PDB file of N, CA and C in Angstrom:
ATOM      1  N   MET A   1      -8.306  11.895 -11.826  1.00  0.00           N
ATOM      2  CA  MET A   1      -7.808  11.418 -10.548  1.00  0.00           C
ATOM      3  C   MET A   1      -7.053  12.550  -9.839  1.00  0.00           C
ATOM      4  N   GLN A   2      -7.376  12.752  -8.597  1.00  0.00           N
ATOM      5  CA  GLN A   2      -6.748  13.795  -7.791  1.00  0.00           C
ATOM      6  C   GLN A   2      -5.352  13.346  -7.351  1.00  0.00           C
ATOM      7  N   PRO A   3      -4.378  14.270  -7.307  1.00  0.00           N
ATOM      8  CA  PRO A   3      -3.074  13.915  -6.740  1.00  0.00           C
ATOM      9  C   PRO A   3      -3.201  13.684  -5.238  1.00  0.00           C
ATOM     10  N   LEU A   4      -2.213  13.052  -4.665  1.00  0.00           N
ATOM     11  CA  LEU A   4      -2.215  12.822  -3.221  1.00  0.00           C
ATOM     12  C   LEU A   4      -2.096  14.150  -2.483  1.00  0.00           C
ATOM     13  N   SER A   5      -2.578  14.169  -1.280  1.00  0.00           N
ATOM     14  CA  SER A   5      -2.561  15.353  -0.431  1.00  0.00           C
ATOM     15  C   SER A   5      -1.235  15.427   0.333  1.00  0.00           C
ATOM     16  N   GLU A   6      -0.955  16.584   0.878  1.00  0.00           N
ATOM     17  CA  GLU A   6       0.178  16.736   1.795  1.00  0.00           C
ATOM     18  C   GLU A   6      -0.170  16.160   3.170  1.00  0.00           C
ATOM     19  N   ASP A   7      -1.454  15.921   3.392  1.00  0.00           N
ATOM     20  CA  ASP A   7      -1.971  15.399   4.655  1.00  0.00           C
ATOM     21  C   ASP A   7      -1.981  13.872   4.591  1.00  0.00           C
ATOM     22  N   PHE A   8      -1.080  13.235   5.339  1.00  0.00           N
ATOM     23  CA  PHE A   8      -0.944  11.783   5.277  1.00  0.00           C
ATOM     24  C   PHE A   8      -2.199  11.064   5.766  1.00  0.00           C
ATOM     25  N   GLN A   9      -2.909  11.639   6.724  1.00  0.00           N
ATOM     26  CA  GLN A   9      -4.159  11.018   7.193  1.00  0.00           C
ATOM     27  C   GLN A   9      -5.210  11.033   6.088  1.00  0.00           C
ATOM     28  N   GLU A  10      -5.256  12.114   5.338  1.00  0.00           N
ATOM     29  CA  GLU A  10      -6.191  12.199   4.213  1.00  0.00           C
ATOM     30  C   GLU A  10      -5.865  11.124   3.169  1.00  0.00           C
ATOM     31  N   ASN A  11      -4.577  10.909   2.913  1.00  0.00           N
ATOM     32  CA  ASN A  11      -4.164   9.876   1.963  1.00  0.00           C
ATOM     33  C   ASN A  11      -4.508   8.483   2.478  1.00  0.00           C
ATOM     34  N   PHE A  12      -4.402   8.293   3.800  1.00  0.00           N
ATOM     35  CA  PHE A  12      -4.772   7.028   4.427  1.00  0.00           C
ATOM     36  C   PHE A  12      -6.269   6.780   4.228  1.00  0.00           C
ATOM     37  N   ASP A  13      -7.077   7.781   4.554  1.00  0.00           N
ATOM     38  CA  ASP A  13      -8.526   7.660   4.396  1.00  0.00           C
ATOM     39  C   ASP A  13      -8.891   7.407   2.932  1.00  0.00           C
ATOM     40  N   ARG A  14      -8.163   8.043   2.052  1.00  0.00           N
ATOM     41  CA  ARG A  14      -8.407   7.881   0.617  1.00  0.00           C
ATOM     42  C   ARG A  14      -8.143   6.445   0.178  1.00  0.00           C
ATOM     43  N   LEU A  15      -7.096   5.826   0.714  1.00  0.00           N
ATOM     44  CA  LEU A  15      -6.811   4.430   0.369  1.00  0.00           C
ATOM     45  C   LEU A  15      -7.997   3.547   0.746  1.00  0.00           C
ATOM     46  N   ILE A  16      -8.532   3.747   1.933  1.00  0.00           N
ATOM     47  CA  ILE A  16      -9.657   2.939   2.403  1.00  0.00           C
ATOM     48  C   ILE A  16     -10.846   3.101   1.453  1.00  0.00           C
ATOM     49  N   VAL A  17     -11.268   4.323   1.229  1.00  0.00           N
ATOM     50  CA  VAL A  17     -12.472   4.597   0.450  1.00  0.00           C
ATOM     51  C   VAL A  17     -12.298   4.193  -1.016  1.00  0.00           C
ATOM     52  N   GLU A  18     -11.227   4.652  -1.650  1.00  0.00           N
ATOM     53  CA  GLU A  18     -11.046   4.391  -3.082  1.00  0.00           C
ATOM     54  C   GLU A  18     -10.798   2.917  -3.368  1.00  0.00           C
ATOM     55  N   SER A  19     -10.066   2.236  -2.513  1.00  0.00           N
ATOM     56  CA  SER A  19      -9.799   0.817  -2.741  1.00  0.00           C
ATOM     57  C   SER A  19     -11.083   0.006  -2.670  1.00  0.00           C
ATOM     58  N   LEU A  20     -11.937   0.345  -1.727  1.00  0.00           N
ATOM     59  CA  LEU A  20     -13.215  -0.356  -1.633  1.00  0.00           C
ATOM     60  C   LEU A  20     -14.095  -0.037  -2.840  1.00  0.00           C
ATOM     61  N   GLN A  21     -14.077   1.210  -3.289  1.00  0.00           N
ATOM     62  CA  GLN A  21     -14.863   1.583  -4.477  1.00  0.00           C
ATOM     63  C   GLN A  21     -14.352   0.863  -5.722  1.00  0.00           C
ATOM     64  N   ASN A  22     -13.023   0.799  -5.873  1.00  0.00           N
ATOM     65  CA  ASN A  22     -12.415   0.216  -7.068  1.00  0.00           C
ATOM     66  C   ASN A  22     -12.278  -1.301  -6.990  1.00  0.00           C
ATOM     67  N   GLY A  23     -12.396  -1.847  -5.796  1.00  0.00           N
ATOM     68  CA  GLY A  23     -12.298  -3.290  -5.628  1.00  0.00           C
ATOM     69  C   GLY A  23     -10.889  -3.837  -5.596  1.00  0.00           C
ATOM     70  N   CYS A  24      -9.891  -2.941  -5.451  1.00  0.00           N
ATOM     71  CA  CYS A  24      -8.499  -3.405  -5.404  1.00  0.00           C
ATOM     72  C   CYS A  24      -7.590  -2.349  -4.796  1.00  0.00           C
ATOM     73  N   VAL A  25      -6.401  -2.802  -4.410  1.00  0.00           N
ATOM     74  CA  VAL A  25      -5.289  -1.917  -4.080  1.00  0.00           C
ATOM     75  C   VAL A  25      -4.209  -2.191  -5.118  1.00  0.00           C
ATOM     76  N   TRP A  26      -3.245  -1.299  -5.192  1.00  0.00           N
ATOM     77  CA  TRP A  26      -2.164  -1.427  -6.175  1.00  0.00           C
ATOM     78  C   TRP A  26      -0.820  -1.507  -5.474  1.00  0.00           C
ATOM     79  N   GLY A  27      -0.040  -2.502  -5.835  1.00  0.00           N
ATOM     80  CA  GLY A  27       1.328  -2.631  -5.364  1.00  0.00           C
ATOM     81  C   GLY A  27       2.262  -2.619  -6.557  1.00  0.00           C
ATOM     82  N   LEU A  28       3.548  -2.656  -6.273  1.00  0.00           N
ATOM     83  CA  LEU A  28       4.550  -2.663  -7.341  1.00  0.00           C
ATOM     84  C   LEU A  28       5.308  -3.983  -7.300  1.00  0.00           C
ATOM     85  N   ARG A  29       5.355  -4.665  -8.457  1.00  0.00           N
ATOM     86  CA  ARG A  29       6.014  -5.967  -8.547  1.00  0.00           C
ATOM     87  C   ARG A  29       6.952  -5.977  -9.745  1.00  0.00           C
ATOM     88  N   ASP A  30       8.107  -6.645  -9.583  1.00  0.00           N
ATOM     89  CA  ASP A  30       9.035  -6.767 -10.706  1.00  0.00           C
ATOM     90  C   ASP A  30       8.715  -8.028 -11.509  1.00  0.00           C
ATOM     91  N   LYS A  31       9.452  -8.238 -12.595  1.00  0.00           N
ATOM     92  CA  LYS A  31       9.173  -9.363 -13.493  1.00  0.00           C
ATOM     93  C   LYS A  31       9.445 -10.725 -12.851  1.00  0.00           C
ATOM     94  N   GLN A  32      10.239 -10.760 -11.792  1.00  0.00           N
ATOM     95  CA  GLN A  32      10.509 -12.006 -11.073  1.00  0.00           C
ATOM     96  C   GLN A  32       9.442 -12.293 -10.005  1.00  0.00           C
ATOM     97  N   GLY A  33       8.497 -11.389  -9.846  1.00  0.00           N
ATOM     98  CA  GLY A  33       7.428 -11.587  -8.880  1.00  0.00           C
ATOM     99  C   GLY A  33       7.707 -11.008  -7.506  1.00  0.00           C
ATOM    100  N   ASN A  34       8.797 -10.249  -7.380  1.00  0.00           N
ATOM    101  CA  ASN A  34       9.137  -9.619  -6.098  1.00  0.00           C
ATOM    102  C   ASN A  34       8.398  -8.292  -5.958  1.00  0.00           C
ATOM    103  N   TRP A  35       7.828  -8.091  -4.791  1.00  0.00           N
ATOM    104  CA  TRP A  35       7.107  -6.847  -4.516  1.00  0.00           C
ATOM    105  C   TRP A  35       8.069  -5.798  -3.980  1.00  0.00           C
ATOM    106  N   ALA A  36       7.811  -4.535  -4.316  1.00  0.00           N
ATOM    107  CA  ALA A  36       8.616  -3.430  -3.792  1.00  0.00           C
ATOM    108  C   ALA A  36       8.567  -3.475  -2.268  1.00  0.00           C
ATOM    109  N   LEU A  37       9.721  -3.364  -1.660  1.00  0.00           N
ATOM    110  CA  LEU A  37       9.856  -3.473  -0.207  1.00  0.00           C
ATOM    111  C   LEU A  37      10.936  -2.497   0.233  1.00  0.00           C
ATOM    112  N   VAL A  38      10.651  -1.726   1.262  1.00  0.00           N
ATOM    113  CA  VAL A  38      11.624  -0.787   1.807  1.00  0.00           C
ATOM    114  C   VAL A  38      11.723  -0.992   3.315  1.00  0.00           C
ATOM    115  N   ASP A  39      12.790  -0.464   3.899  1.00  0.00           N
ATOM    116  CA  ASP A  39      12.949  -0.539   5.347  1.00  0.00           C
ATOM    117  C   ASP A  39      12.006   0.440   6.040  1.00  0.00           C
ATOM    118  N   SER A  40      11.447   0.010   7.128  1.00  0.00           N
ATOM    119  CA  SER A  40      10.580   0.876   7.917  1.00  0.00           C
ATOM    120  C   SER A  40      11.373   2.050   8.476  1.00  0.00           C
ATOM    121  N   SER A  41      10.736   3.214   8.488  1.00  0.00           N
ATOM    122  CA  SER A  41      11.361   4.376   9.128  1.00  0.00           C
ATOM    123  C   SER A  41      10.963   4.453  10.596  1.00  0.00           C
ATOM    124  N   LEU A  42      10.069   3.556  11.032  1.00  0.00           N
ATOM    125  CA  LEU A  42       9.575   3.584  12.404  1.00  0.00           C
ATOM    126  C   LEU A  42      10.052   2.417  13.260  1.00  0.00           C
ATOM    127  N   VAL A  43      10.255   1.249  12.620  1.00  0.00           N
ATOM    128  CA  VAL A  43      10.611   0.041  13.359  1.00  0.00           C
ATOM    129  C   VAL A  43      11.859  -0.574  12.728  1.00  0.00           C
ATOM    130  N   ALA A  44      12.956  -0.576  13.469  1.00  0.00           N
ATOM    131  CA  ALA A  44      14.221  -1.093  12.948  1.00  0.00           C
ATOM    132  C   ALA A  44      14.094  -2.569  12.570  1.00  0.00           C
ATOM    133  N   GLY A  45      14.661  -2.913  11.423  1.00  0.00           N
ATOM    134  CA  GLY A  45      14.702  -4.296  10.988  1.00  0.00           C
ATOM    135  C   GLY A  45      13.402  -4.824  10.413  1.00  0.00           C
ATOM    136  N   VAL A  46      12.432  -3.953  10.169  1.00  0.00           N
ATOM    137  CA  VAL A  46      11.134  -4.374   9.635  1.00  0.00           C
ATOM    138  C   VAL A  46      10.965  -3.769   8.245  1.00  0.00           C
ATOM    139  N   GLY A  47      10.418  -4.556   7.321  1.00  0.00           N
ATOM    140  CA  GLY A  47      10.168  -4.086   5.968  1.00  0.00           C
ATOM    141  C   GLY A  47       8.762  -3.539   5.813  1.00  0.00           C
ATOM    142  N   VAL A  48       8.596  -2.703   4.792  1.00  0.00           N
ATOM    143  CA  VAL A  48       7.299  -2.104   4.481  1.00  0.00           C
ATOM    144  C   VAL A  48       7.011  -2.338   2.999  1.00  0.00           C
ATOM    145  N   ILE A  49       5.820  -2.836   2.712  1.00  0.00           N
ATOM    146  CA  ILE A  49       5.352  -2.948   1.332  1.00  0.00           C
ATOM    147  C   ILE A  49       4.350  -1.818   1.107  1.00  0.00           C
ATOM    148  N   PRO A  50       4.638  -0.919   0.169  1.00  0.00           N
ATOM    149  CA  PRO A  50       3.703   0.181  -0.082  1.00  0.00           C
ATOM    150  C   PRO A  50       2.566  -0.234  -1.018  1.00  0.00           C
ATOM    151  N   PHE A  51       1.389   0.348  -0.778  1.00  0.00           N
ATOM    152  CA  PHE A  51       0.212   0.139  -1.607  1.00  0.00           C
ATOM    153  C   PHE A  51      -0.453   1.473  -1.877  1.00  0.00           C
ATOM    154  N   TRP A  52      -1.142   1.539  -3.020  1.00  0.00           N
ATOM    155  CA  TRP A  52      -1.828   2.759  -3.430  1.00  0.00           C
ATOM    156  C   TRP A  52      -3.269   2.451  -3.796  1.00  0.00           C
ATOM    157  N   SER A  53      -4.090   3.487  -3.782  1.00  0.00           N
ATOM    158  CA  SER A  53      -5.510   3.343  -4.063  1.00  0.00           C
ATOM    159  C   SER A  53      -5.837   3.429  -5.550  1.00  0.00           C
ATOM    160  N   HIS A  54      -4.867   3.792  -6.368  1.00  0.00           N
ATOM    161  CA  HIS A  54      -5.122   3.952  -7.800  1.00  0.00           C
ATOM    162  C   HIS A  54      -3.868   3.570  -8.580  1.00  0.00           C
ATOM    163  N   ARG A  55      -4.070   2.981  -9.746  1.00  0.00           N
ATOM    164  CA  ARG A  55      -2.941   2.559 -10.586  1.00  0.00           C
ATOM    165  C   ARG A  55      -1.985   3.727 -10.884  1.00  0.00           C
ATOM    166  N   LEU A  56      -2.521   4.885 -11.237  1.00  0.00           N
ATOM    167  CA  LEU A  56      -1.666   6.012 -11.604  1.00  0.00           C
ATOM    168  C   LEU A  56      -0.800   6.488 -10.435  1.00  0.00           C
ATOM    169  N   LEU A  57      -1.323   6.401  -9.217  1.00  0.00           N
ATOM    170  CA  LEU A  57      -0.538   6.793  -8.042  1.00  0.00           C
ATOM    171  C   LEU A  57       0.643   5.843  -7.849  1.00  0.00           C
ATOM    172  N   ALA A  58       0.417   4.566  -8.087  1.00  0.00           N
ATOM    173  CA  ALA A  58       1.500   3.572  -7.973  1.00  0.00           C
ATOM    174  C   ALA A  58       2.493   3.730  -9.115  1.00  0.00           C
ATOM    175  N   GLU A  59       1.973   3.943 -10.304  1.00  0.00           N
ATOM    176  CA  GLU A  59       2.797   4.007 -11.514  1.00  0.00           C
ATOM    177  C   GLU A  59       3.817   5.142 -11.467  1.00  0.00           C
ATOM    178  N   LYS A  60       3.489   6.226 -10.776  1.00  0.00           N
ATOM    179  CA  LYS A  60       4.407   7.370 -10.673  1.00  0.00           C
ATOM    180  C   LYS A  60       5.742   6.981 -10.040  1.00  0.00           C
ATOM    181  N   HIS A  61       5.768   5.874  -9.313  1.00  0.00           N
ATOM    182  CA  HIS A  61       6.980   5.450  -8.619  1.00  0.00           C
ATOM    183  C   HIS A  61       7.873   4.544  -9.464  1.00  0.00           C
ATOM    184  N   CYS A  62       7.423   4.181 -10.638  1.00  0.00           N
ATOM    185  CA  CYS A  62       8.152   3.227 -11.485  1.00  0.00           C
ATOM    186  C   CYS A  62       9.210   3.935 -12.327  1.00  0.00           C
ATOM    187  N   THR A  63      10.075   4.674 -11.665  1.00  0.00           N
ATOM    188  CA  THR A  63      11.160   5.390 -12.325  1.00  0.00           C
ATOM    189  C   THR A  63      12.453   5.148 -11.560  1.00  0.00           C
ATOM    190  N   ASP A  64      13.556   5.548 -12.162  1.00  0.00           N
ATOM    191  CA  ASP A  64      14.876   5.449 -11.540  1.00  0.00           C
ATOM    192  C   ASP A  64      15.112   4.041 -10.987  1.00  0.00           C
ATOM    193  N   GLN A  65      15.446   3.923  -9.712  1.00  0.00           N
ATOM    194  CA  GLN A  65      15.767   2.609  -9.156  1.00  0.00           C
ATOM    195  C   GLN A  65      14.531   1.708  -9.067  1.00  0.00           C
ATOM    196  N   TRP A  66      13.342   2.275  -9.187  1.00  0.00           N
ATOM    197  CA  TRP A  66      12.117   1.476  -9.156  1.00  0.00           C
ATOM    198  C   TRP A  66      11.536   1.248 -10.551  1.00  0.00           C
ATOM    199  N   ALA A  67      12.335   1.536 -11.586  1.00  0.00           N
ATOM    200  CA  ALA A  67      11.869   1.318 -12.952  1.00  0.00           C
ATOM    201  C   ALA A  67      11.660  -0.167 -13.247  1.00  0.00           C
ATOM    202  N   ILE A  68      12.196  -1.037 -12.405  1.00  0.00           N
ATOM    203  CA  ILE A  68      12.028  -2.486 -12.590  1.00  0.00           C
ATOM    204  C   ILE A  68      10.627  -2.947 -12.206  1.00  0.00           C
ATOM    205  N   TYR A  69       9.859  -2.101 -11.525  1.00  0.00           N
ATOM    206  CA  TYR A  69       8.536  -2.474 -11.044  1.00  0.00           C
ATOM    207  C   TYR A  69       7.445  -2.004 -11.992  1.00  0.00           C
ATOM    208  N   GLU A  70       6.298  -2.672 -11.883  1.00  0.00           N
ATOM    209  CA  GLU A  70       5.095  -2.229 -12.576  1.00  0.00           C
ATOM    210  C   GLU A  70       3.920  -2.376 -11.619  1.00  0.00           C
ATOM    211  N   PRO A  71       2.910  -1.513 -11.761  1.00  0.00           N
ATOM    212  CA  PRO A  71       1.752  -1.598 -10.880  1.00  0.00           C
ATOM    213  C   PRO A  71       0.970  -2.897 -11.116  1.00  0.00           C
ATOM    214  N   VAL A  72       0.552  -3.522 -10.037  1.00  0.00           N
ATOM    215  CA  VAL A  72      -0.240  -4.745 -10.104  1.00  0.00           C
ATOM    216  C   VAL A  72      -1.410  -4.598  -9.129  1.00  0.00           C
ATOM    217  N   ALA A  73      -2.604  -4.894  -9.620  1.00  0.00           N
ATOM    218  CA  ALA A  73      -3.804  -4.816  -8.783  1.00  0.00           C
ATOM    219  C   ALA A  73      -3.924  -6.076  -7.926  1.00  0.00           C
ATOM    220  N   ILE A  74      -4.348  -5.867  -6.694  1.00  0.00           N
ATOM    221  CA  ILE A  74      -4.654  -6.967  -5.782  1.00  0.00           C
ATOM    222  C   ILE A  74      -6.119  -6.788  -5.372  1.00  0.00           C
ATOM    223  N   ALA A  75      -6.936  -7.788  -5.670  1.00  0.00           N
ATOM    224  CA  ALA A  75      -8.365  -7.719  -5.353  1.00  0.00           C
ATOM    225  C   ALA A  75      -8.557  -7.524  -3.861  1.00  0.00           C
ATOM    226  N   MET A  76      -9.564  -6.751  -3.498  1.00  0.00           N
ATOM    227  CA  MET A  76      -9.804  -6.433  -2.084  1.00  0.00           C
ATOM    228  C   MET A  76      -9.990  -7.681  -1.235  1.00  0.00           C
ATOM    229  N   GLU A  77     -10.737  -8.659  -1.717  1.00  0.00           N
ATOM    230  CA  GLU A  77     -10.955  -9.864  -0.929  1.00  0.00           C
ATOM    231  C   GLU A  77      -9.615 -10.548  -0.610  1.00  0.00           C
ATOM    232  N   GLU A  78      -8.764 -10.660  -1.607  1.00  0.00           N
ATOM    233  CA  GLU A  78      -7.446 -11.269  -1.397  1.00  0.00           C
ATOM    234  C   GLU A  78      -6.593 -10.416  -0.459  1.00  0.00           C
ATOM    235  N   PHE A  79      -6.641  -9.103  -0.642  1.00  0.00           N
ATOM    236  CA  PHE A  79      -5.854  -8.199   0.195  1.00  0.00           C
ATOM    237  C   PHE A  79      -6.269  -8.302   1.658  1.00  0.00           C
ATOM    238  N   LEU A  80      -7.578  -8.280   1.900  1.00  0.00           N
ATOM    239  CA  LEU A  80      -8.090  -8.308   3.271  1.00  0.00           C
ATOM    240  C   LEU A  80      -7.951  -9.687   3.914  1.00  0.00           C
ATOM    241  N   ASP A  81      -8.219 -10.737   3.160  1.00  0.00           N
ATOM    242  CA  ASP A  81      -8.227 -12.093   3.727  1.00  0.00           C
ATOM    243  C   ASP A  81      -6.852 -12.739   3.790  1.00  0.00           C
ATOM    244  N   ASP A  82      -6.001 -12.428   2.817  1.00  0.00           N
ATOM    245  CA  ASP A  82      -4.713 -13.118   2.721  1.00  0.00           C
ATOM    246  C   ASP A  82      -3.513 -12.204   2.981  1.00  0.00           C
ATOM    247  N   TRP A  83      -3.463 -11.099   2.255  1.00  0.00           N
ATOM    248  CA  TRP A  83      -2.284 -10.243   2.319  1.00  0.00           C
ATOM    249  C   TRP A  83      -2.040  -9.656   3.706  1.00  0.00           C
ATOM    250  N   LEU A  84      -3.038  -9.006   4.269  1.00  0.00           N
ATOM    251  CA  LEU A  84      -2.811  -8.312   5.538  1.00  0.00           C
ATOM    252  C   LEU A  84      -2.496  -9.287   6.663  1.00  0.00           C
ATOM    253  N   VAL A  85      -3.173 -10.404   6.702  1.00  0.00           N
ATOM    254  CA  VAL A  85      -2.876 -11.419   7.717  1.00  0.00           C
ATOM    255  C   VAL A  85      -1.478 -11.990   7.488  1.00  0.00           C
ATOM    256  N   GLY A  86      -1.147 -12.287   6.240  1.00  0.00           N
ATOM    257  CA  GLY A  86       0.179 -12.816   5.916  1.00  0.00           C
ATOM    258  C   GLY A  86       1.293 -11.836   6.226  1.00  0.00           C
ATOM    259  N   MET A  87       1.070 -10.557   5.939  1.00  0.00           N
ATOM    260  CA  MET A  87       2.078  -9.541   6.241  1.00  0.00           C
ATOM    261  C   MET A  87       2.288  -9.433   7.746  1.00  0.00           C
ATOM    262  N   HIS A  88       1.210  -9.544   8.503  1.00  0.00           N
ATOM    263  CA  HIS A  88       1.336  -9.523   9.969  1.00  0.00           C
ATOM    264  C   HIS A  88       2.188 -10.706  10.430  1.00  0.00           C
ATOM    265  N   GLU A  89       1.898 -11.882   9.901  1.00  0.00           N
ATOM    266  CA  GLU A  89       2.655 -13.082  10.277  1.00  0.00           C
ATOM    267  C   GLU A  89       4.120 -12.978   9.871  1.00  0.00           C
ATOM    268  N   ASP A  90       4.389 -12.296   8.752  1.00  0.00           N
ATOM    269  CA  ASP A  90       5.761 -12.117   8.272  1.00  0.00           C
ATOM    270  C   ASP A  90       6.454 -10.910   8.893  1.00  0.00           C
ATOM    271  N   VAL A  91       5.789 -10.230   9.813  1.00  0.00           N
ATOM    272  CA  VAL A  91       6.302  -9.037  10.497  1.00  0.00           C
ATOM    273  C   VAL A  91       6.708  -7.970   9.476  1.00  0.00           C
ATOM    274  N   LEU A  92       5.748  -7.641   8.617  1.00  0.00           N
ATOM    275  CA  LEU A  92       5.915  -6.558   7.662  1.00  0.00           C
ATOM    276  C   LEU A  92       4.884  -5.483   7.977  1.00  0.00           C
ATOM    277  N   ARG A  93       5.154  -4.278   7.498  1.00  0.00           N
ATOM    278  CA  ARG A  93       4.215  -3.169   7.678  1.00  0.00           C
ATOM    279  C   ARG A  93       3.675  -2.754   6.309  1.00  0.00           C
ATOM    280  N   VAL A  94       2.603  -1.950   6.332  1.00  0.00           N
ATOM    281  CA  VAL A  94       1.941  -1.492   5.117  1.00  0.00           C
ATOM    282  C   VAL A  94       2.208  -0.006   4.932  1.00  0.00           C
ATOM    283  N   GLY A  95       2.698   0.364   3.757  1.00  0.00           N
ATOM    284  CA  GLY A  95       2.836   1.768   3.383  1.00  0.00           C
ATOM    285  C   GLY A  95       1.558   2.211   2.691  1.00  0.00           C
ATOM    286  N   ILE A  96       1.038   3.364   3.080  1.00  0.00           N
ATOM    287  CA  ILE A  96      -0.283   3.815   2.638  1.00  0.00           C
ATOM    288  C   ILE A  96      -0.181   5.020   1.702  1.00  0.00           C
ATOM    289  N   ASN A  97      -0.518   4.828   0.418  1.00  0.00           N
ATOM    290  CA  ASN A  97      -0.585   5.937  -0.544  1.00  0.00           C
ATOM    291  C   ASN A  97       0.605   6.887  -0.402  1.00  0.00           C
ATOM    292  N   TRP A  98       1.809   6.331  -0.488  1.00  0.00           N
ATOM    293  CA  TRP A  98       3.009   7.158  -0.331  1.00  0.00           C
ATOM    294  C   TRP A  98       3.154   8.138  -1.490  1.00  0.00           C
ATOM    295  N   ASN A  99       3.689   9.308  -1.160  1.00  0.00           N
ATOM    296  CA  ASN A  99       3.917  10.328  -2.178  1.00  0.00           C
ATOM    297  C   ASN A  99       5.187  10.024  -2.975  1.00  0.00           C
ATOM    298  N   GLN A 100       5.548  10.928  -3.865  1.00  0.00           N
ATOM    299  CA  GLN A 100       6.690  10.722  -4.762  1.00  0.00           C
ATOM    300  C   GLN A 100       8.007  10.537  -4.003  1.00  0.00           C
ATOM    301  N   ASP A 101       8.088  11.080  -2.790  1.00  0.00           N
ATOM    302  CA  ASP A 101       9.287  10.945  -1.957  1.00  0.00           C
ATOM    303  C   ASP A 101       9.208   9.723  -1.038  1.00  0.00           C
ATOM    304  N   LEU A 102       8.237   8.844  -1.317  1.00  0.00           N
ATOM    305  CA  LEU A 102       7.994   7.649  -0.499  1.00  0.00           C
ATOM    306  C   LEU A 102       7.720   8.016   0.951  1.00  0.00           C
ATOM    307  N   GLU A 103       6.954   9.084   1.122  1.00  0.00           N
ATOM    308  CA  GLU A 103       6.548   9.532   2.446  1.00  0.00           C
ATOM    309  C   GLU A 103       5.058   9.313   2.609  1.00  0.00           C
ATOM    310  N   GLY A 104       4.688   8.924   3.809  1.00  0.00           N
ATOM    311  CA  GLY A 104       3.295   8.702   4.125  1.00  0.00           C
ATOM    312  C   GLY A 104       3.208   7.800   5.342  1.00  0.00           C
ATOM    313  N   GLN A 105       2.000   7.405   5.660  1.00  0.00           N
ATOM    314  CA  GLN A 105       1.820   6.550   6.833  1.00  0.00           C
ATOM    315  C   GLN A 105       2.299   5.137   6.544  1.00  0.00           C
ATOM    316  N   GLU A 106       2.802   4.499   7.610  1.00  0.00           N
ATOM    317  CA  GLU A 106       3.079   3.069   7.568  1.00  0.00           C
ATOM    318  C   GLU A 106       2.431   2.486   8.812  1.00  0.00           C
ATOM    319  N   VAL A 107       1.700   1.403   8.611  1.00  0.00           N
ATOM    320  CA  VAL A 107       0.905   0.852   9.699  1.00  0.00           C
ATOM    321  C   VAL A 107       1.074  -0.655   9.797  1.00  0.00           C
ATOM    322  N   GLU A 108       0.695  -1.175  10.950  1.00  0.00           N
ATOM    323  CA  GLU A 108       0.660  -2.615  11.169  1.00  0.00           C
ATOM    324  C   GLU A 108      -0.501  -3.172  10.340  1.00  0.00           C
ATOM    325  N   PRO A 109      -0.309  -4.284   9.650  1.00  0.00           N
ATOM    326  CA  PRO A 109      -1.360  -4.804   8.765  1.00  0.00           C
ATOM    327  C   PRO A 109      -2.707  -5.049   9.431  1.00  0.00           C
ATOM    328  N   LEU A 110      -2.725  -5.564  10.648  1.00  0.00           N
ATOM    329  CA  LEU A 110      -4.005  -5.836  11.289  1.00  0.00           C
ATOM    330  C   LEU A 110      -4.730  -4.549  11.679  1.00  0.00           C
ATOM    331  N   ASP A 111      -3.977  -3.463  11.925  1.00  0.00           N
ATOM    332  CA  ASP A 111      -4.609  -2.167  12.173  1.00  0.00           C
ATOM    333  C   ASP A 111      -5.322  -1.677  10.914  1.00  0.00           C
ATOM    334  N   LEU A 112      -4.675  -1.886   9.763  1.00  0.00           N
ATOM    335  CA  LEU A 112      -5.312  -1.497   8.500  1.00  0.00           C
ATOM    336  C   LEU A 112      -6.533  -2.366   8.240  1.00  0.00           C
ATOM    337  N   LEU A 113      -6.449  -3.638   8.532  1.00  0.00           N
ATOM    338  CA  LEU A 113      -7.590  -4.539   8.360  1.00  0.00           C
ATOM    339  C   LEU A 113      -8.773  -4.050   9.187  1.00  0.00           C
ATOM    340  N   GLU A 114      -8.533  -3.619  10.412  1.00  0.00           N
ATOM    341  CA  GLU A 114      -9.605  -3.079  11.262  1.00  0.00           C
ATOM    342  C   GLU A 114     -10.237  -1.837  10.638  1.00  0.00           C
ATOM    343  N   GLU A 115      -9.416  -0.992  10.042  1.00  0.00           N
ATOM    344  CA  GLU A 115      -9.939   0.220   9.391  1.00  0.00           C
ATOM    345  C   GLU A 115     -10.850  -0.145   8.220  1.00  0.00           C
ATOM    346  N   PHE A 116     -10.430  -1.121   7.419  1.00  0.00           N
ATOM    347  CA  PHE A 116     -11.271  -1.571   6.302  1.00  0.00           C
ATOM    348  C   PHE A 116     -12.577  -2.161   6.815  1.00  0.00           C
ATOM    349  N   GLU A 117     -12.480  -3.004   7.845  1.00  0.00           N
ATOM    350  CA  GLU A 117     -13.685  -3.632   8.393  1.00  0.00           C
ATOM    351  C   GLU A 117     -14.644  -2.597   8.957  1.00  0.00           C
ATOM    352  N   ALA A 118     -14.123  -1.564   9.613  1.00  0.00           N
ATOM    353  CA  ALA A 118     -14.975  -0.500  10.153  1.00  0.00           C
ATOM    354  C   ALA A 118     -15.682   0.242   9.016  1.00  0.00           C
ATOM    355  N   GLU A 119     -14.994   0.460   7.924  1.00  0.00           N
ATOM    356  CA  GLU A 119     -15.588   1.152   6.774  1.00  0.00           C
ATOM    357  C   GLU A 119     -16.666   0.291   6.119  1.00  0.00           C
ATOM    358  N   LEU A 120     -16.476  -1.010   6.138  1.00  0.00           N
ATOM    359  CA  LEU A 120     -17.440  -1.925   5.521  1.00  0.00           C
ATOM    360  C   LEU A 120     -18.708  -2.112   6.344  1.00  0.00           C
ATOM    361  N   GLU A 121     -18.653  -1.774   7.637  1.00  0.00           N
ATOM    362  CA  GLU A 121     -19.837  -1.969   8.507  1.00  0.00           C
ATOM    363  C   GLU A 121     -20.903  -0.932   8.265  1.00  0.00           C
TER     364      GLU A 121
END
């Protein structure tokens, strides 16, 4: 598995392609069922749930204050049909293949859904 790039757009594109190939995205969830959530750096008062295209990319974040989390796969059908629409309704954003410093793109869920749909066509 290749490490993430310094190019955030490349990491975004990688999430689309690899998630569709693997049939899932990866998020981080604690034992109580809470998903990792951080404050948006772009929109005040809005939370961001980060997702990764590979288990190992997500797992790298399970240290220090995030040691309470473990990587959990979300099937693509569930992610596209339920998660992204639900996140939009809950006014949350999506973090895309964030690097070790939790840097990367954050997007509106329906924008990401459009990107997936375009790739599937």
